[in-house]
Protein backbone atom coordinates (compact mmCIF):
# COMPACT_ATOMS: atom_id res chain seq x y z
CA MET A 1 -55.24 175.03 -36.55
CA ASN A 2 -56.01 178.62 -37.52
CA MET A 3 -54.52 181.51 -35.65
CA THR A 4 -55.21 185.20 -36.01
CA VAL A 5 -52.74 187.74 -34.72
CA TYR A 6 -53.49 191.40 -34.44
CA GLN A 7 -50.46 193.74 -34.13
CA THR A 8 -50.08 197.50 -33.74
CA ILE A 9 -46.72 199.17 -34.23
CA GLY A 10 -46.08 202.79 -33.56
CA ILE A 11 -42.94 204.24 -35.08
CA HIS A 12 -41.96 207.68 -33.73
CA TYR A 13 -38.71 208.06 -35.60
CA LEU A 14 -37.15 205.87 -38.42
CA ARG A 15 -33.90 206.94 -40.01
CA ILE A 16 -32.30 204.96 -42.79
CA ASP A 17 -28.85 206.35 -43.75
CA LEU A 18 -27.97 204.02 -46.61
CA VAL A 19 -29.96 201.69 -48.89
CA SER A 20 -27.93 199.16 -50.91
CA ASN A 21 -28.80 196.23 -53.10
CA ALA A 22 -28.87 193.91 -50.14
CA SER A 23 -30.72 196.14 -47.66
CA VAL A 24 -33.56 194.68 -45.60
CA VAL A 25 -35.87 196.54 -43.26
CA GLN A 26 -38.37 194.60 -41.39
CA ILE A 27 -40.95 196.13 -39.07
CA GLY A 28 -43.16 193.74 -37.16
CA THR A 29 -43.42 190.03 -37.79
CA ALA A 30 -43.68 188.01 -40.94
CA GLY A 31 -44.59 184.39 -41.50
CA ALA A 32 -42.52 184.39 -44.65
CA ILE A 33 -40.19 186.97 -46.10
CA GLN A 34 -40.43 187.28 -49.82
CA ALA A 35 -37.70 188.99 -51.82
CA LEU A 36 -38.74 192.22 -53.63
CA ALA A 37 -36.44 194.59 -55.60
CA ASN A 38 -37.57 197.88 -57.03
CA LEU A 39 -35.28 200.32 -58.84
CA HIS A 40 -36.64 203.83 -59.24
CA ASP A 41 -35.06 206.98 -60.58
CA THR A 42 -37.67 209.40 -59.21
CA GLY A 43 -35.36 212.42 -59.36
CA GLY A 44 -34.37 212.10 -63.05
CA PHE A 45 -30.66 211.89 -62.20
CA GLY A 46 -28.32 211.31 -65.06
CA THR A 47 -25.39 209.96 -62.96
CA THR A 48 -24.81 207.95 -59.88
CA SER A 49 -24.11 209.56 -56.51
CA ALA A 50 -20.66 209.93 -54.98
CA THR A 51 -19.18 207.11 -53.04
CA GLU A 52 -17.63 207.49 -49.58
CA GLU A 53 -14.14 207.79 -51.10
CA THR A 54 -15.02 210.37 -53.73
CA ALA A 55 -17.17 212.36 -51.26
CA GLY A 56 -14.22 212.54 -48.74
CA ILE A 57 -16.11 210.69 -46.02
CA GLU A 58 -13.79 208.64 -43.70
CA PRO A 59 -15.15 205.06 -43.48
CA ILE A 60 -15.95 203.78 -39.95
CA VAL A 61 -13.83 200.93 -38.87
CA VAL A 62 -14.96 198.81 -35.87
CA PRO A 63 -12.30 196.54 -34.43
CA LEU A 64 -13.57 193.01 -34.01
CA PRO A 65 -12.23 190.41 -31.47
CA SER A 66 -10.33 187.45 -32.51
CA PRO A 67 -12.56 184.47 -33.54
CA THR A 68 -10.60 182.13 -31.25
CA GLY A 69 -12.27 181.74 -28.20
């Protein structure tokens, strides 16, 4: 059985605060997700950026309920 799906997605605002080695952003649907990793130094930086601790940013702690339940 062949199926054709047409999809239109309108994104008015997309903000990504942090991208790490395990970040995934998916917009729309996918029959299969394939891993892709690209490492780019487009700014010509010689060192890595500051971490939360060295930048003086207080980490956000979210209390979680007990797993018993």
